[in-house]
Amino acid sequence: MKNRRIPRANLSPRHLEILEMAKRNGFLATEELSRLLNVTVQTIRRDINQLCEKGLLRRYHGGAGLASSTENIDYSTRQVLNYEAKVRIARMAAVFIPDNASLFINIGTTTEEVAKALHGHRKLRVITNNLNVAALLCGDAEFEVIIASGAVRHDLGVIGESTIDFIRQFKVDYGVIGISGIDEDGALLDFDYREVRVAKAIIENARQVLLVADHTKFACSPMVRLGHISEIDAFFTDRQPPANIREILEKGKVALHVCGAEAKDANGD
């Protein structure tokens, strides 16, 4: 099944809410959805049918679940899923980045919100494989924006061998990365192995790595392994992670920053 672009206008607020619940819970029972959303079972079945036709959900006995562990939700849909949380995460991460810094920003809707939140900073040098990020920042006289070479995906992410080689030419202060899924063992997971290889190069060539990801990533299980959450320096999210992830962060001395809570190190320092 090919990944199709779906205009966000074609998704109702209820459909967006169903998709967010699917990312959070994995499986959605029809009757439970009916109760939570205060609509009839027939309406929920119709919603599920429409989302399945768009390739966003897969129908199972008694309900539905995420469509695939091998294909991501369409970019235009990801832009609006959990949008307010992404904005809060981005603003919190942007505060962490000082003026006069150099940084990588990779592919992702949350990292794009970080780019927006950086306006107001002074003298930043930004290297990115995300043309959306470049477009957001290039008009600011305080930023020098450098675009990695490579093949351009439909979501304007740049990937490929030449992208990796380009990234490896630099050593920067901060690497800002997003992720599609965080497994219960702390593995960082994504859908495109080519994107993952570029992200690995970013991690290897940044003095500090900042991971920005909302809580729904704990319910998503793509098949490509990027690395482990203990390998990053700071994790910015919108809710307290599961207990086992907090333990991993503490052992790895990874700083945990949660929206709405006082930013603190996961090890209590």
Protein backbone atom coordinates (compact mmCIF):
# COMPACT_ATOMS: atom_id res chain seq x y z
CA MET A 1 0.00 0.00 0.00
CA LYS A 2 1.53 3.33 -1.03
CA ASN A 3 1.61 6.26 1.37
CA ARG A 4 -0.83 8.84 0.00
CA ARG A 5 -0.99 12.54 0.71
CA ILE A 6 -4.24 13.39 2.47
CA PRO A 7 -5.26 17.06 2.76
CA ARG A 8 -5.88 17.92 6.38
CA ALA A 9 -9.19 19.51 5.35
CA ASN A 10 -10.41 16.00 4.53
CA LEU A 11 -10.05 14.95 8.17
CA SER A 12 -12.67 16.02 10.66
CA PRO A 13 -11.74 16.89 14.26
CA ARG A 14 -13.21 13.53 15.33
CA HIS A 15 -11.07 11.68 12.80
CA LEU A 16 -7.98 13.47 14.07
CA GLU A 17 -8.93 12.54 17.62
CA ILE A 18 -9.40 8.89 16.63
CA LEU A 19 -5.95 8.84 14.99
CA GLU A 20 -4.35 10.37 18.06
CA MET A 21 -6.03 7.77 20.26
CA ALA A 22 -4.81 5.03 17.91
CA LYS A 23 -1.23 6.26 18.21
CA ARG A 24 -1.60 6.39 21.98
CA ASN A 25 -3.34 3.05 22.54
CA GLY A 26 -2.50 0.95 19.50
CA PHE A 27 -5.94 -0.77 19.30
CA LEU A 28 -9.32 0.96 19.44
CA ALA A 29 -12.46 -0.96 20.37
CA THR A 30 -15.51 0.26 18.48
CA GLU A 31 -17.82 0.36 21.50
CA GLU A 32 -15.21 2.09 23.66
CA LEU A 33 -14.70 4.76 20.99
CA SER A 34 -18.45 5.25 20.81
CA ARG A 35 -18.58 5.89 24.54
CA LEU A 36 -15.52 8.16 24.67
CA LEU A 37 -16.58 10.30 21.71
CA ASN A 38 -20.28 10.28 22.60
CA VAL A 39 -21.46 9.11 19.20
CA THR A 40 -23.23 5.97 18.03
CA VAL A 41 -21.46 2.72 17.22
CA GLN A 42 -22.68 3.10 13.64
CA THR A 43 -20.99 6.49 13.41
CA ILE A 44 -17.71 5.08 14.74
CA ARG A 45 -17.84 2.22 12.26
CA ARG A 46 -18.33 4.74 9.46
CA ASP A 47 -15.39 6.79 10.77
CA ILE A 48 -13.19 3.70 10.92
CA ASN A 49 -14.19 2.72 7.38
CA GLN A 50 -13.29 6.17 6.08
CA LEU A 51 -9.91 6.19 7.88
CA CYS A 52 -9.16 2.68 6.61
CA GLU A 53 -9.96 3.78 3.06
CA LYS A 54 -7.38 6.54 3.46
CA GLY A 55 -4.82 4.03 4.68
CA LEU A 56 -4.57 5.58 8.16
CA LEU A 57 -6.10 2.73 10.16
CA ARG A 58 -6.42 -1.04 9.73
CA ARG A 59 -9.68 -2.77 10.59
CA TYR A 60 -9.58 -5.61 13.13
CA HIS A 61 -12.32 -7.70 14.74
CA GLY A 62 -14.14 -5.40 17.17
CA GLY A 63 -12.27 -2.26 16.27
CA ALA A 64 -9.24 -0.82 14.48
CA GLY A 65 -5.56 -0.14 14.96
CA LEU A 66 -2.66 1.69 13.36
CA ALA A 67 -2.30 0.86 9.72
CA SER A 68 1.31 -0.27 9.61
CA SER A 69 4.65 -0.49 11.39
CA THR A 70 6.37 0.10 8.04
CA GLU A 71 4.63 3.28 6.80
CA ASN A 72 4.18 6.58 8.56
CA ILE A 73 0.97 8.61 8.66
CA ASP A 74 0.82 11.19 5.88
CA TYR A 75 2.79 14.39 6.50
CA SER A 76 -0.20 16.74 6.34
CA THR A 77 -1.96 14.62 8.96
CA ARG A 78 1.09 14.48 11.23
CA GLN A 79 1.23 18.28 11.15
CA VAL A 80 -2.05 18.57 13.02
CA LEU A 81 -1.90 15.50 15.28
CA ASN A 82 -1.21 16.63 18.86
CA TYR A 83 -0.27 20.04 17.46
CA GLU A 84 -0.59 22.07 20.67
CA ALA A 85 1.71 19.66 22.53
CA LYS A 86 4.30 19.93 19.76
CA VAL A 87 4.24 23.71 20.03
CA ARG A 88 4.79 23.57 23.80
CA ILE A 89 7.61 21.04 23.43
CA ALA A 90 9.27 23.18 20.76
CA ARG A 91 9.14 26.35 22.82
CA MET A 92 10.67 24.56 25.78
CA ALA A 93 13.48 23.12 23.65
CA ALA A 94 14.18 26.47 21.99
CA VAL A 95 14.86 28.05 25.39
CA PHE A 96 17.58 25.44 25.90
CA ILE A 97 19.47 26.65 22.80
CA PRO A 98 21.57 29.80 23.40
CA ASP A 99 22.41 32.57 20.97
CA ASN A 100 25.56 32.16 18.86
CA ALA A 101 25.08 28.39 18.62
CA SER A 102 25.44 25.95 15.74
CA LEU A 103 22.88 23.18 15.32
CA PHE A 104 21.46 20.43 13.17
CA ILE A 105 17.68 20.16 12.78
CA ASN A 106 16.36 16.98 11.16
CA ILE A 107 13.11 15.83 9.53
CA GLY A 108 9.86 15.97 11.51
CA THR A 109 6.82 18.05 12.34
CA THR A 110 8.01 18.63 15.92
CA THR A 111 11.47 19.75 14.82
CA GLU A 112 9.76 22.16 12.43
CA GLU A 113 7.95 23.67 15.43
CA VAL A 114 11.37 24.05 17.12
CA ALA A 115 12.53 26.00 14.06
CA LYS A 116 9.55 28.35 14.44
CA ALA A 117 10.28 28.78 18.14
CA LEU A 118 13.89 29.80 17.46
CA HIS A 119 12.84 33.14 15.98
CA GLY A 120 14.14 35.77 18.37
CA HIS A 121 17.48 34.01 18.80
CA ARG A 122 20.62 35.75 17.56
CA LYS A 123 23.48 34.51 15.41
CA LEU A 124 22.46 30.89 14.89
CA ARG A 125 24.02 28.68 12.24
CA VAL A 126 21.52 25.98 11.28
CA ILE A 127 22.33 22.93 9.15
CA THR A 128 19.27 20.96 8.11
CA ASN A 129 18.07 18.18 5.84
CA ASN A 130 14.52 19.51 6.12
CA LEU A 131 13.48 22.01 3.45
CA ASN A 132 10.48 23.04 5.58
CA VAL A 133 12.92 24.10 8.32
CA ALA A 134 15.07 25.97 5.81
CA ALA A 135 12.03 27.85 4.50
CA LEU A 136 10.97 28.78 8.04
CA LEU A 137 14.38 30.20 8.96
CA CYS A 138 15.98 31.57 5.81
CA GLY A 139 14.17 34.90 5.99
CA ASP A 140 15.63 35.73 9.42
CA ALA A 141 18.78 37.87 9.13
CA GLU A 142 20.05 36.42 12.42
CA PHE A 143 20.33 32.91 10.97
CA GLU A 144 22.73 31.34 8.54
CA VAL A 145 20.90 28.35 7.05
CA ILE A 146 22.79 25.56 5.31
CA ILE A 147 20.84 22.89 3.40
CA ALA A 148 22.14 19.34 3.06
CA SER A 149 22.29 17.85 -0.43
CA GLY A 150 20.46 14.66 -1.38
CA ALA A 151 17.18 13.24 -2.63
CA VAL A 152 14.04 15.19 -1.67
CA ARG A 153 11.06 13.24 -0.27
CA HIS A 154 7.45 14.30 -0.75
CA ASP A 155 7.46 15.84 2.76
CA LEU A 156 10.54 17.94 1.80
CA GLY A 157 12.94 15.89 3.88
CA VAL A 158 16.37 15.37 2.27
CA ILE A 159 17.93 11.90 2.49
CA GLY A 160 20.57 9.69 0.91
CA GLU A 161 24.30 8.96 0.88
CA SER A 162 25.22 12.51 -0.15
CA THR A 163 23.14 13.84 2.78
CA ILE A 164 25.11 11.69 5.22
CA ASP A 165 28.42 12.79 3.71
CA PHE A 166 27.34 16.42 3.93
CA ILE A 167 26.34 16.16 7.60
CA ARG A 168 29.68 14.54 8.47
CA GLN A 169 31.55 17.64 7.34
CA PHE A 170 30.36 19.50 10.46
CA LYS A 171 30.68 19.30 14.24
CA VAL A 172 27.98 21.42 15.88
CA ASP A 173 26.85 22.41 19.36
CA TYR A 174 23.35 20.89 19.23
CA GLY A 175 21.51 18.26 17.23
CA VAL A 176 17.72 18.62 17.37
CA ILE A 177 16.02 15.39 16.31
CA GLY A 178 12.51 13.99 16.23
CA ILE A 179 11.43 10.37 16.24
CA SER A 180 8.37 8.37 15.17
CA GLY A 181 8.34 5.83 18.00
CA ILE A 182 9.95 4.97 21.34
CA ASP A 183 9.83 1.29 22.27
CA GLU A 184 9.32 0.11 25.87
CA ASP A 185 13.01 -0.90 26.02
CA GLY A 186 14.06 2.66 25.09
CA ALA A 187 14.81 1.96 21.43
CA LEU A 188 14.27 4.96 19.15
CA LEU A 189 12.35 3.87 16.05
CA ASP A 190 11.45 5.33 12.68
CA PHE A 191 9.93 4.29 9.36
CA ASP A 192 12.56 5.17 6.73
CA TYR A 193 16.01 3.57 7.05
CA ARG A 194 17.47 6.34 4.87
CA GLU A 195 16.16 9.01 7.24
CA VAL A 196 17.52 7.01 10.17
CA ARG A 197 21.01 6.90 8.67
CA VAL A 198 21.02 10.69 8.36
CA ALA A 199 19.77 11.04 11.95
CA LYS A 200 22.59 8.78 13.15
CA ALA A 201 25.11 11.06 11.41
CA ILE A 202 23.52 14.04 13.19
CA ILE A 203 23.84 12.31 16.57
CA GLU A 204 27.47 11.41 15.90
CA ASN A 205 28.39 14.98 14.97
CA ALA A 206 26.55 17.01 17.63
CA ARG A 207 28.06 17.79 21.02
CA GLN A 208 24.61 17.63 22.61
CA VAL A 209 21.58 15.80 21.20
CA LEU A 210 18.09 17.09 22.00
CA LEU A 211 15.17 14.72 21.34
CA VAL A 212 11.74 16.34 20.89
CA ALA A 213 8.78 13.95 20.90
CA ASP A 214 5.24 14.00 22.27
CA HIS A 215 3.73 11.22 24.39
CA THR A 216 2.01 9.48 21.45
CA LYS A 217 5.42 8.23 20.28
CA PHE A 218 5.32 5.66 23.11
CA ALA A 219 2.39 3.95 21.36
CA CYS A 220 3.96 3.82 17.91
CA SER A 221 6.29 0.99 16.83
CA PRO A 222 8.01 1.56 13.48
CA MET A 223 10.44 -1.12 12.34
CA VAL A 224 13.73 0.81 11.81
CA ARG A 225 16.01 1.26 14.83
CA LEU A 226 17.79 4.60 15.14
CA GLY A 227 19.44 4.08 18.50
CA HIS A 228 18.59 4.17 22.18
CA ILE A 229 17.10 6.93 24.28
CA SER A 230 20.03 6.67 26.71
CA GLU A 231 22.32 7.96 23.93
CA ILE A 232 20.76 11.43 23.86
CA ASP A 233 21.52 14.31 26.21
CA ALA A 234 18.05 15.80 26.78
CA PHE A 235 14.49 14.66 26.12
CA PHE A 236 11.67 17.20 25.69
CA THR A 237 8.11 15.87 25.86
CA ASP A 238 4.60 16.82 26.94
CA ARG A 239 3.87 14.15 29.58
CA GLN A 240 5.84 12.11 32.08
CA PRO A 241 7.18 9.04 30.23
CA PRO A 242 6.36 5.50 31.45
CA ALA A 243 8.21 4.43 34.60
CA ASN A 244 10.62 2.13 32.76
CA ILE A 245 11.63 4.94 30.40
CA ARG A 246 12.20 7.30 33.33
CA GLU A 247 14.44 4.67 34.88
CA ILE A 248 16.43 4.39 31.63
CA LEU A 249 16.78 8.16 31.46
CA GLU A 250 17.97 8.29 35.06
CA LYS A 251 20.57 5.58 34.53
CA GLY A 252 21.79 7.27 31.36
CA LYS A 253 21.89 10.71 33.02
CA VAL A 254 19.59 12.09 30.33
CA ALA A 255 17.90 15.40 31.20
CA LEU A 256 14.10 15.10 31.11
CA HIS A 257 12.05 18.22 30.36
CA VAL A 258 8.26 17.95 30.56
CA CYS A 259 5.82 20.67 29.45
CA GLY A 260 3.93 22.18 32.32
CA ALA A 261 6.43 20.85 34.83
CA GLU A 262 9.63 22.40 36.07
CA ALA A 263 12.45 21.22 33.81
CA LYS A 264 14.77 18.89 35.68
CA ASP A 265 17.30 16.18 35.18
CA ALA A 266 15.90 12.69 35.19
CA ASN A 267 18.54 11.74 37.75
CA GLY A 268 17.19 14.37 40.11
CA ASP A 269 20.15 16.75 39.83
